[in-house]
Amino acid sequence: MELQTMEAIWNACCANYTDSQDVIAISFDEIRRRYTGTARHYHNLQHIGQLLQLATQHRDQLQHWDCVVFAIFYHDVVYNVFRKDNEARSADMADKRLATLCVTADKIQVVRELIKATHKHQVTPTAPYASDLAWFLDFDMAILGTPWEQYEVYARQVRKEYRLYPDLMYNPGRRGFLQHTLQADRIFHTPWFHQQYTDTARANMQRELQWFQ
């Protein structure tokens, strides 16, 4: 998705809450700068564009479009491979920035919960936003079920983000993620993604695992 299209989606959502074009523009520019840092190889604007594209394709399934869009833009806005609290810190930033955009407190809370859920990628069925969360998490994990050529690029981009870690440290962690995901009963939460993406995702991860043998 082109940057111009991404900005148009951002502007449209923000316009539901504030008339300040300056605040809207400043907040988007901060997001753009965050996702174009030199340490970003996968968790960058291309990743955000891919999620927005999926969200647009499945918009009819989303109950809180603005919340999902805000969560997409902010879910990786803080990304430091040396920390384990990126999701919480991203949620905190979303809280502050959305407040300046006059987004209502109830919607900010939903965005916060969506972002924090990317830490473990689990859905609480009783949550009032559970349906949107399931779709949002599947958008985030969709890369696993893409054709191998695209998946391989993703896997190597992630390795570049962890380039300061030697193989002795990186390989066990990546292998553990792959094995844990493969052992899960379901990789994707929504029936649509489960049906369309699961087989390819499992094949991709099994193929990547062979890199570490």
C-alpha atoms as a PDB file:
ATOM      1  CA  MET A   1       0.000   0.000   0.000  1.00  0.00           C
ATOM      2  CA  GLU A   2       1.313   3.438  -0.934  1.00  0.00           C
ATOM      3  CA  LEU A   3       2.183   5.916   1.806  1.00  0.00           C
ATOM      4  CA  GLN A   4      -0.370   8.358   0.395  1.00  0.00           C
ATOM      5  CA  THR A   5      -3.138   5.775   0.786  1.00  0.00           C
ATOM      6  CA  MET A   6      -2.022   4.965   4.313  1.00  0.00           C
ATOM      7  CA  GLU A   7      -2.103   8.638   5.233  1.00  0.00           C
ATOM      8  CA  ALA A   8      -5.567   9.009   3.703  1.00  0.00           C
ATOM      9  CA  ILE A   9      -6.864   6.178   5.903  1.00  0.00           C
ATOM     10  CA  TRP A  10      -5.250   7.778   8.949  1.00  0.00           C
ATOM     11  CA  ASN A  11      -6.697  11.185   8.145  1.00  0.00           C
ATOM     12  CA  ALA A  12     -10.186   9.800   7.629  1.00  0.00           C
ATOM     13  CA  CYS A  13     -10.185   8.009  10.973  1.00  0.00           C
ATOM     14  CA  CYS A  14      -8.750  10.959  12.876  1.00  0.00           C
ATOM     15  CA  ALA A  15     -11.244  13.355  11.298  1.00  0.00           C
ATOM     16  CA  ASN A  16     -14.000  11.537  13.211  1.00  0.00           C
ATOM     17  CA  TYR A  17     -12.585  12.982  16.439  1.00  0.00           C
ATOM     18  CA  THR A  18     -10.731  16.247  15.760  1.00  0.00           C
ATOM     19  CA  ASP A  19     -10.839  19.138  13.328  1.00  0.00           C
ATOM     20  CA  SER A  20      -7.167  19.971  13.863  1.00  0.00           C
ATOM     21  CA  GLN A  21      -5.396  19.141  10.634  1.00  0.00           C
ATOM     22  CA  ASP A  22      -2.089  20.104  12.238  1.00  0.00           C
ATOM     23  CA  VAL A  23      -2.448  17.544  15.027  1.00  0.00           C
ATOM     24  CA  ILE A  24      -3.481  14.884  12.536  1.00  0.00           C
ATOM     25  CA  ALA A  25      -0.502  15.650  10.302  1.00  0.00           C
ATOM     26  CA  ILE A  26       1.985  15.775  13.186  1.00  0.00           C
ATOM     27  CA  SER A  27       0.795  12.450  14.578  1.00  0.00           C
ATOM     28  CA  PHE A  28       1.071  10.752  11.198  1.00  0.00           C
ATOM     29  CA  ASP A  29       4.532  12.183  10.606  1.00  0.00           C
ATOM     30  CA  GLU A  30       5.664  10.736  13.933  1.00  0.00           C
ATOM     31  CA  ILE A  31       4.323   7.333  12.943  1.00  0.00           C
ATOM     32  CA  ARG A  32       6.046   7.549   9.565  1.00  0.00           C
ATOM     33  CA  ARG A  33       9.378   8.434  11.177  1.00  0.00           C
ATOM     34  CA  ARG A  34       9.082   5.657  13.736  1.00  0.00           C
ATOM     35  CA  TYR A  35       8.491   2.987  11.113  1.00  0.00           C
ATOM     36  CA  THR A  36      11.273   4.178   8.797  1.00  0.00           C
ATOM     37  CA  GLY A  37      14.090   3.910  11.326  1.00  0.00           C
ATOM     38  CA  THR A  38      17.293   2.278  10.131  1.00  0.00           C
ATOM     39  CA  ALA A  39      16.769  -0.673  12.479  1.00  0.00           C
ATOM     40  CA  ARG A  40      13.445  -1.514  10.846  1.00  0.00           C
ATOM     41  CA  HIS A  41      13.628  -4.274   8.258  1.00  0.00           C
ATOM     42  CA  TYR A  42      10.295  -6.072   8.681  1.00  0.00           C
ATOM     43  CA  HIS A  43       8.383  -4.062  11.297  1.00  0.00           C
ATOM     44  CA  ASN A  44       8.269  -1.031   9.040  1.00  0.00           C
ATOM     45  CA  LEU A  45       5.799   0.913   6.928  1.00  0.00           C
ATOM     46  CA  GLN A  46       5.492  -1.964   4.488  1.00  0.00           C
ATOM     47  CA  HIS A  47       4.246  -4.145   7.339  1.00  0.00           C
ATOM     48  CA  ILE A  48       1.733  -1.482   8.358  1.00  0.00           C
ATOM     49  CA  GLY A  49       0.579  -1.191   4.753  1.00  0.00           C
ATOM     50  CA  GLN A  50       0.080  -4.951   4.499  1.00  0.00           C
ATOM     51  CA  LEU A  51      -2.122  -4.951   7.603  1.00  0.00           C
ATOM     52  CA  LEU A  52      -4.116  -1.970   6.377  1.00  0.00           C
ATOM     53  CA  GLN A  53      -4.652  -3.722   3.055  1.00  0.00           C
ATOM     54  CA  LEU A  54      -6.019  -6.794   4.824  1.00  0.00           C
ATOM     55  CA  ALA A  55      -8.177  -4.658   7.101  1.00  0.00           C
ATOM     56  CA  THR A  56      -9.597  -2.870   4.076  1.00  0.00           C
ATOM     57  CA  GLN A  57     -10.370  -6.181   2.374  1.00  0.00           C
ATOM     58  CA  HIS A  58     -12.222  -7.433   5.467  1.00  0.00           C
ATOM     59  CA  ARG A  59     -13.713  -4.134   6.597  1.00  0.00           C
ATOM     60  CA  ASP A  60     -17.254  -5.506   6.563  1.00  0.00           C
ATOM     61  CA  GLN A  61     -16.211  -7.954   9.292  1.00  0.00           C
ATOM     62  CA  LEU A  62     -14.903  -5.251  11.628  1.00  0.00           C
ATOM     63  CA  GLN A  63     -17.161  -3.719  14.259  1.00  0.00           C
ATOM     64  CA  HIS A  64     -14.809  -0.910  15.289  1.00  0.00           C
ATOM     65  CA  TRP A  65     -12.954   0.123  12.147  1.00  0.00           C
ATOM     66  CA  ASP A  66     -11.269   3.164  13.676  1.00  0.00           C
ATOM     67  CA  CYS A  67      -9.971   1.152  16.642  1.00  0.00           C
ATOM     68  CA  VAL A  68      -8.475  -1.523  14.403  1.00  0.00           C
ATOM     69  CA  VAL A  69      -6.855   1.112  12.187  1.00  0.00           C
ATOM     70  CA  PHE A  70      -5.363   2.925  15.182  1.00  0.00           C
ATOM     71  CA  ALA A  71      -4.103  -0.392  16.574  1.00  0.00           C
ATOM     72  CA  ILE A  72      -2.473  -1.248  13.260  1.00  0.00           C
ATOM     73  CA  PHE A  73      -0.641   2.063  13.125  1.00  0.00           C
ATOM     74  CA  TYR A  74       0.547   1.933  16.735  1.00  0.00           C
ATOM     75  CA  HIS A  75       1.062  -1.773  17.493  1.00  0.00           C
ATOM     76  CA  ASP A  76       4.772  -1.740  16.578  1.00  0.00           C
ATOM     77  CA  VAL A  77       5.442   1.975  16.939  1.00  0.00           C
ATOM     78  CA  VAL A  78       7.889   1.108  19.743  1.00  0.00           C
ATOM     79  CA  TYR A  79      10.147  -1.733  18.624  1.00  0.00           C
ATOM     80  CA  ASN A  80      13.428  -2.503  20.341  1.00  0.00           C
ATOM     81  CA  VAL A  81      14.827  -6.017  19.948  1.00  0.00           C
ATOM     82  CA  PHE A  82      16.593  -5.696  23.308  1.00  0.00           C
ATOM     83  CA  ARG A  83      13.337  -5.195  25.237  1.00  0.00           C
ATOM     84  CA  LYS A  84      10.400  -7.439  26.032  1.00  0.00           C
ATOM     85  CA  ASP A  85       7.841  -4.719  26.736  1.00  0.00           C
ATOM     86  CA  ASN A  86       7.449  -3.244  23.265  1.00  0.00           C
ATOM     87  CA  GLU A  87       3.732  -4.004  23.141  1.00  0.00           C
ATOM     88  CA  ALA A  88       3.033  -2.253  26.454  1.00  0.00           C
ATOM     89  CA  ARG A  89       5.168   0.736  25.494  1.00  0.00           C
ATOM     90  CA  SER A  90       3.435   0.956  22.098  1.00  0.00           C
ATOM     91  CA  ALA A  91       0.060   0.869  23.865  1.00  0.00           C
ATOM     92  CA  ASP A  92       1.189   3.650  26.196  1.00  0.00           C
ATOM     93  CA  MET A  93       2.188   5.817  23.244  1.00  0.00           C
ATOM     94  CA  ALA A  94      -1.135   5.115  21.552  1.00  0.00           C
ATOM     95  CA  ASP A  95      -2.921   6.245  24.723  1.00  0.00           C
ATOM     96  CA  LYS A  96      -1.157   9.594  24.726  1.00  0.00           C
ATOM     97  CA  ARG A  97      -1.325  10.314  21.010  1.00  0.00           C
ATOM     98  CA  LEU A  98      -4.962   9.302  20.574  1.00  0.00           C
ATOM     99  CA  ALA A  99      -5.905  11.483  23.517  1.00  0.00           C
ATOM    100  CA  THR A 100      -4.422  14.492  21.719  1.00  0.00           C
ATOM    101  CA  LEU A 101      -6.605  13.542  18.755  1.00  0.00           C
ATOM    102  CA  CYS A 102      -9.667  13.653  21.044  1.00  0.00           C
ATOM    103  CA  VAL A 103     -10.430   9.954  20.561  1.00  0.00           C
ATOM    104  CA  THR A 104     -12.901   8.866  23.226  1.00  0.00           C
ATOM    105  CA  ALA A 105     -11.583   7.050  26.293  1.00  0.00           C
ATOM    106  CA  ASP A 106     -13.563   3.882  25.599  1.00  0.00           C
ATOM    107  CA  LYS A 107     -12.076   3.564  22.125  1.00  0.00           C
ATOM    108  CA  ILE A 108      -8.571   4.311  23.370  1.00  0.00           C
ATOM    109  CA  GLN A 109      -9.001   1.442  25.823  1.00  0.00           C
ATOM    110  CA  VAL A 110     -10.005  -0.913  23.008  1.00  0.00           C
ATOM    111  CA  VAL A 111      -6.953   0.144  20.978  1.00  0.00           C
ATOM    112  CA  ARG A 112      -4.776  -0.434  24.019  1.00  0.00           C
ATOM    113  CA  GLU A 113      -6.120  -3.949  24.513  1.00  0.00           C
ATOM    114  CA  LEU A 114      -5.696  -4.791  20.821  1.00  0.00           C
ATOM    115  CA  ILE A 115      -2.062  -3.707  20.890  1.00  0.00           C
ATOM    116  CA  LYS A 116      -1.228  -5.482  24.138  1.00  0.00           C
ATOM    117  CA  ALA A 117      -2.725  -8.701  22.758  1.00  0.00           C
ATOM    118  CA  THR A 118       0.003  -8.873  20.112  1.00  0.00           C
ATOM    119  CA  HIS A 119       2.370  -9.983  22.896  1.00  0.00           C
ATOM    120  CA  LYS A 120       0.804 -13.457  23.179  1.00  0.00           C
ATOM    121  CA  HIS A 121      -1.638 -13.396  20.249  1.00  0.00           C
ATOM    122  CA  GLN A 122      -4.503 -14.776  22.303  1.00  0.00           C
ATOM    123  CA  VAL A 123      -8.168 -13.826  22.195  1.00  0.00           C
ATOM    124  CA  THR A 124     -10.431 -13.594  25.232  1.00  0.00           C
ATOM    125  CA  PRO A 125     -13.787 -14.739  23.809  1.00  0.00           C
ATOM    126  CA  THR A 126     -15.826 -12.775  26.360  1.00  0.00           C
ATOM    127  CA  ALA A 127     -14.172  -9.432  25.596  1.00  0.00           C
ATOM    128  CA  PRO A 128     -16.559  -6.950  23.919  1.00  0.00           C
ATOM    129  CA  TYR A 129     -13.970  -6.402  21.181  1.00  0.00           C
ATOM    130  CA  ALA A 130     -13.128 -10.115  20.715  1.00  0.00           C
ATOM    131  CA  SER A 131     -14.238 -10.279  17.090  1.00  0.00           C
ATOM    132  CA  ASP A 132     -12.125  -7.308  16.044  1.00  0.00           C
ATOM    133  CA  LEU A 133      -9.201  -8.669  18.044  1.00  0.00           C
ATOM    134  CA  ALA A 134      -9.373 -11.998  16.225  1.00  0.00           C
ATOM    135  CA  TRP A 135      -9.264 -10.271  12.847  1.00  0.00           C
ATOM    136  CA  PHE A 136      -6.532  -7.852  13.936  1.00  0.00           C
ATOM    137  CA  LEU A 137      -4.278 -10.637  15.217  1.00  0.00           C
ATOM    138  CA  ASP A 138      -4.832 -12.628  12.039  1.00  0.00           C
ATOM    139  CA  PHE A 139      -3.856  -9.614   9.947  1.00  0.00           C
ATOM    140  CA  ASP A 140      -0.641  -9.436  11.964  1.00  0.00           C
ATOM    141  CA  MET A 141       0.102 -13.157  11.504  1.00  0.00           C
ATOM    142  CA  ALA A 142      -0.978 -13.369   7.874  1.00  0.00           C
ATOM    143  CA  ILE A 143       2.632 -13.168   6.679  1.00  0.00           C
ATOM    144  CA  LEU A 144       3.091 -16.744   7.913  1.00  0.00           C
ATOM    145  CA  GLY A 145       0.616 -18.005   5.333  1.00  0.00           C
ATOM    146  CA  THR A 146       1.921 -16.143   2.297  1.00  0.00           C
ATOM    147  CA  PRO A 147       3.737 -17.881  -0.592  1.00  0.00           C
ATOM    148  CA  TRP A 148       7.206 -19.128   0.349  1.00  0.00           C
ATOM    149  CA  GLU A 149       9.006 -16.411  -1.629  1.00  0.00           C
ATOM    150  CA  GLN A 150       7.292 -13.717   0.448  1.00  0.00           C
ATOM    151  CA  TYR A 151       7.652 -15.662   3.688  1.00  0.00           C
ATOM    152  CA  GLU A 152      11.372 -16.159   3.120  1.00  0.00           C
ATOM    153  CA  VAL A 153      11.870 -12.405   2.667  1.00  0.00           C
ATOM    154  CA  TYR A 154       9.992 -11.829   5.940  1.00  0.00           C
ATOM    155  CA  ALA A 155      12.086 -14.392   7.839  1.00  0.00           C
ATOM    156  CA  ARG A 156      15.341 -12.881   6.617  1.00  0.00           C
ATOM    157  CA  GLN A 157      14.116  -9.358   7.399  1.00  0.00           C
ATOM    158  CA  VAL A 158      13.368 -10.405  10.971  1.00  0.00           C
ATOM    159  CA  ARG A 159      16.869 -11.855  11.240  1.00  0.00           C
ATOM    160  CA  LYS A 160      18.282  -8.487  10.114  1.00  0.00           C
ATOM    161  CA  GLU A 161      16.370  -6.758  12.891  1.00  0.00           C
ATOM    162  CA  TYR A 162      18.134  -9.085  15.327  1.00  0.00           C
ATOM    163  CA  ARG A 163      21.463  -8.781  13.560  1.00  0.00           C
ATOM    164  CA  LEU A 164      23.240  -7.759  16.781  1.00  0.00           C
ATOM    165  CA  TYR A 165      22.390 -11.173  18.224  1.00  0.00           C
ATOM    166  CA  PRO A 166      24.777 -13.981  17.201  1.00  0.00           C
ATOM    167  CA  ASP A 167      23.283 -17.175  15.775  1.00  0.00           C
ATOM    168  CA  LEU A 168      24.008 -18.881  19.085  1.00  0.00           C
ATOM    169  CA  MET A 169      21.418 -16.608  20.705  1.00  0.00           C
ATOM    170  CA  TYR A 170      19.041 -15.916  17.828  1.00  0.00           C
ATOM    171  CA  ASN A 171      18.548 -19.412  16.444  1.00  0.00           C
ATOM    172  CA  PRO A 172      17.157 -21.031  19.627  1.00  0.00           C
ATOM    173  CA  GLY A 173      14.709 -18.173  20.111  1.00  0.00           C
ATOM    174  CA  ARG A 174      13.473 -18.227  16.534  1.00  0.00           C
ATOM    175  CA  ARG A 175      13.288 -22.003  16.543  1.00  0.00           C
ATOM    176  CA  GLY A 176      11.271 -21.858  19.760  1.00  0.00           C
ATOM    177  CA  PHE A 177       8.799 -19.408  18.238  1.00  0.00           C
ATOM    178  CA  LEU A 178       8.309 -21.619  15.194  1.00  0.00           C
ATOM    179  CA  GLN A 179       7.866 -24.784  17.230  1.00  0.00           C
ATOM    180  CA  HIS A 180       5.477 -23.124  19.662  1.00  0.00           C
ATOM    181  CA  THR A 181       3.358 -21.750  16.822  1.00  0.00           C
ATOM    182  CA  LEU A 182       3.307 -25.090  15.024  1.00  0.00           C
ATOM    183  CA  GLN A 183       2.189 -26.882  18.177  1.00  0.00           C
ATOM    184  CA  ALA A 184      -0.781 -24.564  18.679  1.00  0.00           C
ATOM    185  CA  ASP A 185      -4.213 -25.978  17.906  1.00  0.00           C
ATOM    186  CA  ARG A 186      -4.864 -22.988  15.671  1.00  0.00           C
ATOM    187  CA  ILE A 187      -2.503 -20.424  14.208  1.00  0.00           C
ATOM    188  CA  PHE A 188      -5.326 -18.150  13.076  1.00  0.00           C
ATOM    189  CA  HIS A 189      -8.400 -17.179  15.061  1.00  0.00           C
ATOM    190  CA  THR A 190     -10.962 -16.375  12.361  1.00  0.00           C
ATOM    191  CA  PRO A 191     -12.487 -19.152  10.248  1.00  0.00           C
ATOM    192  CA  TRP A 192     -11.520 -17.342   7.043  1.00  0.00           C
ATOM    193  CA  PHE A 193      -7.806 -17.086   7.819  1.00  0.00           C
ATOM    194  CA  HIS A 194      -7.768 -20.538   9.393  1.00  0.00           C
ATOM    195  CA  GLN A 195      -9.109 -22.064   6.187  1.00  0.00           C
ATOM    196  CA  GLN A 196      -7.134 -19.973   3.713  1.00  0.00           C
ATOM    197  CA  TYR A 197      -3.741 -19.656   5.427  1.00  0.00           C
ATOM    198  CA  THR A 198      -3.107 -22.520   7.845  1.00  0.00           C
ATOM    199  CA  ASP A 199      -1.689 -25.165   5.502  1.00  0.00           C
ATOM    200  CA  THR A 200       0.726 -22.749   3.842  1.00  0.00           C
ATOM    201  CA  ALA A 201       1.754 -21.263   7.192  1.00  0.00           C
ATOM    202  CA  ARG A 202       2.611 -24.666   8.625  1.00  0.00           C
ATOM    203  CA  ALA A 203       4.546 -25.629   5.512  1.00  0.00           C
ATOM    204  CA  ASN A 204       6.490 -22.361   5.599  1.00  0.00           C
ATOM    205  CA  MET A 205       7.441 -22.698   9.246  1.00  0.00           C
ATOM    206  CA  GLN A 206       8.469 -26.312   8.842  1.00  0.00           C
ATOM    207  CA  ARG A 207      10.666 -25.259   5.940  1.00  0.00           C
ATOM    208  CA  GLU A 208      12.255 -22.449   7.949  1.00  0.00           C
ATOM    209  CA  LEU A 209      12.937 -24.856  10.824  1.00  0.00           C
ATOM    210  CA  GLN A 210      15.219 -26.766   8.491  1.00  0.00           C
ATOM    211  CA  TRP A 211      17.549 -23.743   8.467  1.00  0.00           C
ATOM    212  CA  PHE A 212      18.401 -24.456  12.102  1.00  0.00           C
ATOM    213  CA  GLN A 213      19.230 -28.152  11.821  1.00  0.00           C
END
